[in-house]
């Protein structure tokens, strides 16, 4: 009796071949072979050179078998996960048998135990993987002894299975019967990327920029409040002057962090303007602001000029002009301005006076001017 595969795996199909030979010296009849498949197999089919096989009883009734003649039976079965794997066949006949020692034949394949391999999760360099972890062989048959190799034939032992680097290795699981199964396992070690590049960044406070507005060159940028450990920002935090730290991530591997200097500049304020808003031609007035450090300008210097530093205004001609106070913005902030209007009035003219300049007590005379709209007064009302 033979088996076509002496080291099958669970679920494999195997073929048992039985040969019944009449070694003589006589013809014989009523030859019967009994082969009941043990619990380690599930019957699939059979082919007999003569008669037929009954898989329920295990009987194969050959009948007559001439001296020197033989009959063959092939039984096809699948290998079960558990059970008895030794398959025994026994032949009997009606006529006396001169040699009873060759009437029974058994075959016991070394069924490969179930070895289930789960590739370990990828790690980032310079990390390694422990292939001896129970998670790698979870689901395998119990009671196995594991050994580790660098080749599929399991001839070259892997010296450091607890610190495996990237590559494909082979795990051999051996049971108490010495039967074994070899399965590959793949270790993936992804390279850790370099830290991203970024330059110092300046923002204006009025822009209310947030962490997600920061810029760094890299993939899947993350921002933190510390060079290591610390807290990762969500991206919605309003920026403040200080140092932020950026990392990048590729293939699940996160880089070291780059320090990025951030400056948030306070926006300039032109303040509140004050000062007399009316001036005569040729005269001066002064504008001022509650904020220092700015400069003054006039919208129309043909009407009025203003000293850029002191704010002193000189009326040039009748009309209106706007005075602007500008505080220069820094760090990305725009200039701040405030304005105040000014009216320049022409000086009044009394005209040319005329009239009799001599008068007796009790009598009158009249003075007149070439300009109207004025009023008259006496320097000494006790005289006139």
Protein backbone atom coordinates (compact mmCIF):
# COMPACT_ATOMS: atom_id res chain seq x y z
CA UNK A 1 0.00 0.00 0.00
CA UNK A 2 1.36 3.45 -0.93
CA UNK A 3 0.30 7.11 -0.84
CA UNK A 4 1.06 9.55 -3.62
CA UNK A 5 2.02 12.38 -1.22
CA UNK A 6 3.73 11.34 2.02
CA UNK A 7 3.69 14.92 3.41
CA UNK A 8 0.30 16.42 2.55
CA UNK A 9 -1.21 19.57 3.99
CA UNK A 10 -4.62 19.85 5.58
CA UNK A 11 -7.20 19.93 2.79
CA UNK A 12 -4.92 18.29 0.22
CA UNK A 13 -6.21 15.44 -1.91
CA UNK A 14 -4.24 12.20 -1.55
CA UNK A 15 -4.45 8.88 -3.41
CA UNK A 16 -3.88 5.54 -1.65
CA UNK A 17 -2.88 2.70 -3.99
CA UNK A 18 -3.54 -0.89 -2.83
CA UNK A 19 -2.11 -3.84 -4.74
CA UNK A 20 -3.36 -7.36 -3.91
CA UNK A 21 -0.87 -9.95 -5.27
CA UNK A 22 -1.31 -13.73 -5.23
CA UNK A 23 2.24 -14.91 -4.57
CA UNK A 24 1.16 -18.55 -5.12
CA UNK A 25 1.69 -21.34 -5.36
CA UNK A 26 -2.05 -21.81 -5.98
CA UNK A 27 -4.97 -19.98 -7.48
CA UNK A 28 -7.28 -18.57 -4.84
CA UNK A 29 -10.86 -17.36 -4.64
CA UNK A 30 -13.11 -15.21 -2.50
CA UNK A 31 -10.32 -12.65 -2.11
CA UNK A 32 -11.41 -9.63 -0.10
CA UNK A 33 -9.55 -6.49 0.96
CA UNK A 34 -10.83 -4.37 3.86
CA UNK A 35 -9.65 -0.74 3.98
CA UNK A 36 -11.79 1.53 6.15
CA UNK A 37 -10.60 5.10 5.85
CA UNK A 38 -9.63 6.42 9.31
CA UNK A 39 -11.00 9.69 10.76
CA UNK A 40 -8.17 11.75 9.35
CA UNK A 41 -9.59 11.49 5.82
CA UNK A 42 -12.78 12.18 3.90
CA UNK A 43 -13.60 9.80 1.05
CA UNK A 44 -13.77 11.32 -2.44
CA UNK A 45 -13.73 8.47 -4.98
CA UNK A 46 -12.17 5.11 -5.87
CA UNK A 47 -11.04 3.18 -8.94
CA UNK A 48 -10.60 -0.59 -8.90
CA UNK A 49 -9.07 -2.82 -11.58
CA UNK A 50 -11.73 -5.37 -10.77
CA UNK A 51 -15.00 -5.28 -8.87
CA UNK A 52 -15.65 -2.12 -6.82
CA UNK A 53 -14.86 -0.58 -3.46
CA UNK A 54 -17.55 0.12 -0.84
CA UNK A 55 -16.38 3.14 1.09
CA UNK A 56 -19.03 2.67 3.78
CA UNK A 57 -17.83 -0.80 4.79
CA UNK A 58 -14.31 -0.53 3.43
CA UNK A 59 -14.76 -3.81 1.54
CA UNK A 60 -13.22 -4.48 -1.83
CA UNK A 61 -14.39 -7.93 -3.00
CA UNK A 62 -11.88 -9.04 -5.61
CA UNK A 63 -13.13 -12.60 -6.00
CA UNK A 64 -10.84 -15.11 -7.77
CA UNK A 65 -7.16 -14.29 -8.11
CA UNK A 66 -4.92 -16.61 -10.15
CA UNK A 67 -1.41 -17.56 -9.05
CA UNK A 68 0.89 -14.60 -9.80
CA UNK A 69 -2.01 -12.30 -10.65
CA UNK A 70 -2.70 -8.93 -8.93
CA UNK A 71 -5.54 -6.44 -8.55
CA UNK A 72 -5.24 -2.69 -7.88
CA UNK A 73 -7.44 -0.23 -6.01
CA UNK A 74 -6.95 3.52 -5.78
CA UNK A 75 -8.79 5.46 -3.08
CA UNK A 76 -8.89 9.25 -3.34
CA UNK A 77 -9.51 11.23 -0.15
CA UNK A 78 -8.97 14.68 1.35
CA UNK A 79 -6.90 15.23 4.48
CA UNK A 80 -8.91 16.40 7.51
CA UNK A 81 -7.56 18.91 10.07
CA UNK A 82 -7.57 16.29 12.82
CA UNK A 83 -8.01 12.54 13.22
CA UNK A 84 -6.10 9.31 12.73
CA UNK A 85 -3.88 9.36 9.65
CA UNK A 86 -2.61 5.76 9.64
CA UNK A 87 -4.49 3.89 6.89
CA UNK A 88 -4.40 0.07 7.11
CA UNK A 89 -5.59 -2.49 4.55
CA UNK A 90 -6.01 -6.23 5.23
CA UNK A 91 -6.52 -8.98 2.59
CA UNK A 92 -8.22 -12.33 3.20
CA UNK A 93 -9.12 -15.28 0.94
CA UNK A 94 -11.04 -18.57 1.09
CA UNK A 95 -8.02 -20.74 0.37
CA UNK A 96 -5.20 -21.30 2.88
CA UNK A 97 -2.40 -18.73 2.75
CA UNK A 98 1.13 -20.04 3.17
CA UNK A 99 2.41 -16.58 4.28
CA UNK A 100 0.19 -14.61 6.63
CA UNK A 101 2.82 -11.94 7.30
CA UNK A 102 2.15 -9.97 4.15
CA UNK A 103 -1.62 -9.74 4.39
CA UNK A 104 -1.69 -6.37 6.17
CA UNK A 105 -0.19 -3.11 4.98
CA UNK A 106 -0.32 0.38 6.54
CA UNK A 107 0.80 3.82 5.47
CA UNK A 108 1.08 6.89 7.71
CA UNK A 109 1.76 10.19 5.96
CA UNK A 110 3.37 13.00 7.89
CA UNK A 111 0.54 15.52 7.60
CA UNK A 112 1.87 19.03 7.64
CA UNK A 113 0.51 20.97 10.60
CA UNK A 114 -1.41 24.18 9.98
CA UNK A 115 0.97 27.12 10.04
CA UNK A 116 -0.81 30.43 9.57
CA UNK A 117 1.34 33.48 9.02
CA UNK A 118 0.27 37.09 9.36
CA UNK A 119 2.83 39.50 8.00
CA UNK A 120 3.76 41.96 10.74
CA UNK A 121 2.79 45.59 10.34
CA UNK A 122 5.31 47.74 8.52
CA UNK A 123 7.72 49.64 10.74
CA UNK A 124 9.88 52.69 10.15
CA UNK A 125 13.65 52.62 9.98
CA UNK A 126 15.69 52.03 12.02
CA UNK A 127 13.10 49.85 13.82
CA UNK A 128 13.07 46.05 13.42
CA UNK A 129 10.38 43.36 13.78
CA UNK A 130 10.09 40.46 16.23
CA UNK A 131 9.16 37.41 14.14
CA UNK A 132 8.79 35.30 17.27
CA UNK A 133 5.75 37.32 18.35
CA UNK A 134 2.67 35.12 18.79
CA UNK A 135 0.72 37.52 16.56
CA UNK A 136 2.80 36.40 13.55
CA UNK A 137 1.73 32.73 13.90
CA UNK A 138 -1.73 33.28 15.39
CA UNK A 139 -4.21 30.70 14.05
CA UNK A 140 -1.58 27.96 13.63
CA UNK A 141 -1.91 24.49 15.14
CA UNK A 142 -1.15 24.29 18.86
CA UNK A 143 2.00 22.77 20.28
CA UNK A 144 4.28 23.71 17.40
CA UNK A 145 7.93 24.55 17.74
CA UNK A 146 9.02 27.39 15.46
CA UNK A 147 12.37 27.90 13.81
CA UNK A 148 13.36 30.66 11.40
CA UNK A 149 15.24 30.59 8.11
CA UNK A 150 16.35 32.78 5.24
CA UNK A 151 15.50 30.26 2.47
CA UNK A 152 12.35 28.43 1.42
CA UNK A 153 13.93 25.02 1.98
CA UNK A 154 14.66 25.96 5.61
CA UNK A 155 18.34 25.10 5.41
CA UNK A 156 19.84 28.49 6.38
CA UNK A 157 18.96 29.55 9.90
CA UNK A 158 18.08 33.20 10.48
CA UNK A 159 20.17 34.34 13.41
CA UNK A 160 18.11 37.33 14.62
CA UNK A 161 14.38 36.58 14.29
CA UNK A 162 13.60 38.86 17.23
CA UNK A 163 15.10 41.84 15.37
CA UNK A 164 14.27 41.15 11.74
CA UNK A 165 15.14 43.72 9.11
CA UNK A 166 13.33 44.20 5.79
CA UNK A 167 13.02 41.05 3.66
CA UNK A 168 11.28 37.70 3.24
CA UNK A 169 11.96 34.95 5.78
CA UNK A 170 10.59 31.44 6.38
CA UNK A 171 9.00 30.05 9.52
CA UNK A 172 9.06 26.30 10.12
CA UNK A 173 6.45 24.93 12.50
CA UNK A 174 7.15 21.39 13.76
CA UNK A 175 4.76 19.24 15.81
CA UNK A 176 5.51 16.46 18.29
CA UNK A 177 5.47 13.83 15.50
CA UNK A 178 8.22 15.67 13.65
CA UNK A 179 5.88 16.76 10.89
CA UNK A 180 6.45 20.34 9.80
CA UNK A 181 5.23 23.07 7.51
CA UNK A 182 7.23 26.00 6.13
CA UNK A 183 5.61 29.33 5.38
CA UNK A 184 7.05 32.67 4.21
CA UNK A 185 6.77 35.90 6.18
CA UNK A 186 7.49 39.36 4.83
CA UNK A 187 9.01 42.14 6.90
CA UNK A 188 8.51 45.69 5.62
CA UNK A 189 10.69 48.48 6.96
CA UNK A 190 9.84 51.84 5.41
CA UNK A 191 12.47 54.59 5.33
CA UNK A 192 11.95 57.47 7.74
CA UNK A 193 11.86 60.73 5.75
CA UNK A 194 14.08 63.71 6.43
CA UNK A 195 12.66 66.62 8.38
CA UNK A 196 10.72 69.11 6.21
CA UNK A 197 12.22 72.44 5.18
CA UNK A 198 10.69 75.73 6.30
CA UNK A 199 11.79 79.34 6.81
CA UNK A 200 10.89 81.94 9.42
CA UNK A 201 7.39 83.36 8.89
CA UNK A 202 5.95 86.78 9.79
CA UNK A 203 2.26 87.68 10.04
CA UNK A 204 0.19 90.70 10.98
CA UNK A 205 -2.03 90.41 14.05
CA UNK A 206 -5.07 91.74 12.19
CA UNK A 207 -4.93 88.78 9.78
CA UNK A 208 -5.64 86.34 12.66
CA UNK A 209 -3.62 83.60 10.97
CA UNK A 210 -3.92 80.04 12.31
CA UNK A 211 -1.52 77.09 12.46
CA UNK A 212 -2.81 75.65 9.18
CA UNK A 213 -1.58 78.86 7.46
CA UNK A 214 2.03 77.97 8.26
CA UNK A 215 4.09 76.72 5.31
CA UNK A 216 6.62 73.87 5.23
CA UNK A 217 7.88 71.80 2.28
CA UNK A 218 7.03 68.12 2.74
CA UNK A 219 4.26 65.51 2.73
CA UNK A 220 1.45 65.34 5.28
CA UNK A 221 2.87 68.11 7.45
CA UNK A 222 2.11 68.03 11.17
CA UNK A 223 2.75 70.92 13.57
CA UNK A 224 3.75 70.57 17.23
CA UNK A 225 4.53 72.79 20.21
CA UNK A 226 7.80 71.00 21.01
CA UNK A 227 10.83 69.56 19.22
CA UNK A 228 9.98 66.09 20.56
CA UNK A 229 6.88 64.69 22.24
CA UNK A 230 4.67 67.68 23.10
CA UNK A 231 1.23 68.26 21.62
CA UNK A 232 0.19 68.21 17.98
CA UNK A 233 -1.79 71.23 16.86
CA UNK A 234 -5.18 70.70 15.25
CA UNK A 235 -4.50 73.53 12.80
CA UNK A 236 -7.20 75.89 14.07
CA UNK A 237 -5.12 77.55 16.78
CA UNK A 238 -4.46 81.28 16.28
CA UNK A 239 -0.76 81.95 15.77
CA UNK A 240 1.34 83.80 18.34
CA UNK A 241 4.97 84.86 18.28
CA UNK A 242 7.15 81.85 19.10
CA UNK A 243 8.61 78.63 17.69
CA UNK A 244 6.55 75.96 16.00
CA UNK A 245 7.80 72.50 14.96
CA UNK A 246 6.95 70.75 11.67
CA UNK A 247 7.28 67.07 10.69
CA UNK A 248 6.39 65.20 7.51
CA UNK A 249 5.03 61.67 7.05
CA UNK A 250 5.55 59.22 4.17
CA UNK A 251 4.43 55.56 4.11
CA UNK A 252 3.28 55.96 7.69
CA UNK A 253 6.72 57.06 8.87
CA UNK A 254 7.09 60.44 10.57
CA UNK A 255 10.27 62.48 10.34
CA UNK A 256 12.12 64.48 12.93
CA UNK A 257 10.83 68.03 13.42
CA UNK A 258 12.00 71.33 11.99
CA UNK A 259 11.89 74.41 14.21
CA UNK A 260 10.11 77.34 12.55
CA UNK A 261 10.29 80.87 14.00
CA UNK A 262 6.95 82.69 13.82
CA UNK A 263 6.53 86.42 14.46
CA UNK A 264 3.08 87.97 14.80
CA UNK A 265 3.47 91.74 14.46
CA UNK A 266 1.05 94.14 16.15
CA UNK A 267 -0.78 96.21 13.56
CA UNK A 268 0.02 99.98 13.58
CA UNK A 269 -2.50 102.52 14.92
CA UNK A 270 -2.72 106.09 13.60
CA UNK A 271 -4.51 107.24 16.76
CA UNK A 272 -7.09 110.01 17.14
CA UNK A 273 -6.40 113.38 15.47
CA UNK A 274 -7.12 116.79 17.00
CA UNK A 275 -6.43 120.48 16.28
CA UNK A 276 -8.24 123.62 15.04
CA UNK A 277 -9.75 122.91 11.65
CA UNK A 278 -9.98 126.54 10.50
CA UNK A 279 -7.10 128.85 9.65
CA UNK A 280 -6.66 132.09 7.76
CA UNK A 281 -4.44 132.41 4.77
CA UNK A 282 -0.92 133.11 5.96
CA UNK A 283 -1.61 131.93 9.49
CA UNK A 284 -0.89 128.58 11.15
CA UNK A 285 -2.57 125.91 13.21
CA UNK A 286 -1.33 122.57 14.50
CA UNK A 287 -2.77 119.05 14.22
CA UNK A 288 -1.70 116.26 16.58
CA UNK A 289 -2.33 112.51 17.11
CA UNK A 290 -2.61 110.35 20.21
CA UNK A 291 -0.02 108.07 18.56
CA UNK A 292 3.59 109.04 17.94
CA UNK A 293 6.00 107.98 15.21
CA UNK A 294 3.86 108.89 12.22
CA UNK A 295 4.19 111.50 9.49
CA UNK A 296 1.83 114.20 8.15
CA UNK A 297 0.82 115.04 4.60
CA UNK A 298 -1.63 117.38 2.88
CA UNK A 299 -4.05 116.41 0.17
CA UNK A 300 -3.61 119.84 -1.50
CA UNK A 301 -0.51 121.88 -0.75
CA UNK A 302 -1.85 124.78 -2.84
CA UNK A 303 -4.48 125.26 -0.11
CA UNK A 304 -2.44 124.35 2.96
CA UNK A 305 0.91 122.81 3.77
CA UNK A 306 1.76 120.73 6.84
CA UNK A 307 5.09 119.94 8.46
CA UNK A 308 5.49 116.13 8.19
CA UNK A 309 7.00 115.88 11.66
CA UNK A 310 5.42 118.63 13.80
CA UNK A 311 1.95 118.79 12.24
CA UNK A 312 2.12 122.62 11.91
CA UNK A 313 -0.26 123.76 9.15
CA UNK A 314 0.13 126.96 7.12
CA UNK A 315 -2.83 128.36 5.19
CA UNK A 316 -1.87 129.09 1.57
CA UNK A 317 -5.15 129.90 -0.16
CA UNK A 318 -8.82 129.79 0.63
CA UNK A 319 -10.32 126.34 0.28
CA UNK A 320 -10.39 122.93 1.93
CA UNK A 321 -7.76 120.23 2.26
CA UNK A 322 -7.43 116.90 4.09
CA UNK A 323 -4.49 116.24 6.39
CA UNK A 324 -3.37 112.58 6.70
CA UNK A 325 -1.37 111.06 9.55
CA UNK A 326 0.42 107.81 8.52
CA UNK A 327 2.05 105.22 10.80
CA UNK A 328 4.16 102.79 8.76
CA UNK A 329 3.29 99.09 9.15
CA UNK A 330 5.97 96.43 9.70
CA UNK A 331 6.13 92.63 9.64
CA UNK A 332 3.53 92.25 6.93
CA UNK A 333 1.13 94.79 8.42
CA UNK A 334 -0.18 97.59 6.13
CA UNK A 335 0.22 101.27 7.00
CA UNK A 336 -2.33 102.82 9.33
CA UNK A 337 -3.80 106.24 8.47
CA UNK A 338 -6.12 108.83 10.03
CA UNK A 339 -7.45 111.99 8.39
CA UNK A 340 -8.74 115.38 9.51
CA UNK A 341 -10.26 118.13 7.35
CA UNK A 342 -9.11 121.76 7.24
CA UNK A 343 -10.73 124.95 5.94
CA UNK A 344 -8.52 127.90 4.95
CA UNK A 345 -10.24 131.30 4.98
CA UNK A 346 -9.00 134.48 3.20
CA UNK A 347 -8.16 137.46 5.51
CA UNK A 348 -10.93 140.22 5.59
CA UNK A 349 -10.39 143.61 3.84
CA UNK A 350 -11.76 146.85 5.54
CA UNK A 351 -11.60 148.80 2.29
CA UNK A 352 -10.80 152.51 1.84
CA UNK A 353 -12.50 154.94 4.19
CA UNK A 354 -13.81 158.35 3.14
CA UNK A 355 -15.85 161.24 4.66
CA UNK A 356 -15.49 164.76 6.17
CA UNK A 357 -12.93 164.54 8.90
CA UNK A 358 -14.00 167.73 10.67
CA UNK A 359 -17.24 168.29 12.54
CA UNK A 360 -18.54 170.79 15.15
CA UNK A 361 -19.76 169.71 18.52
CA UNK A 362 -23.34 168.67 18.21
CA UNK A 363 -23.19 168.25 14.45
CA UNK A 364 -22.65 165.08 12.38
CA UNK A 365 -20.60 163.80 9.52
CA UNK A 366 -20.49 160.36 7.83
CA UNK A 367 -17.63 158.05 7.07
CA UNK A 368 -17.97 155.24 4.47
CA UNK A 369 -15.87 152.29 3.22
CA UNK A 370 -15.41 150.73 -0.14
CA UNK A 371 -16.14 147.33 1.58
CA UNK A 372 -19.49 146.48 3.02
CA UNK A 373 -20.41 144.19 5.89
CA UNK A 374 -18.19 145.81 8.46
CA UNK A 375 -18.97 147.62 11.70
CA UNK A 376 -17.78 150.99 13.03
CA UNK A 377 -16.36 151.91 16.43
CA UNK A 378 -14.81 154.96 18.16
CA UNK A 379 -11.52 154.97 19.96
CA UNK A 380 -12.88 157.67 22.40
CA UNK A 381 -16.58 157.99 22.79
CA UNK A 382 -16.13 161.05 25.06
CA UNK A 383 -14.90 162.99 22.02
CA UNK A 384 -17.07 161.50 19.22
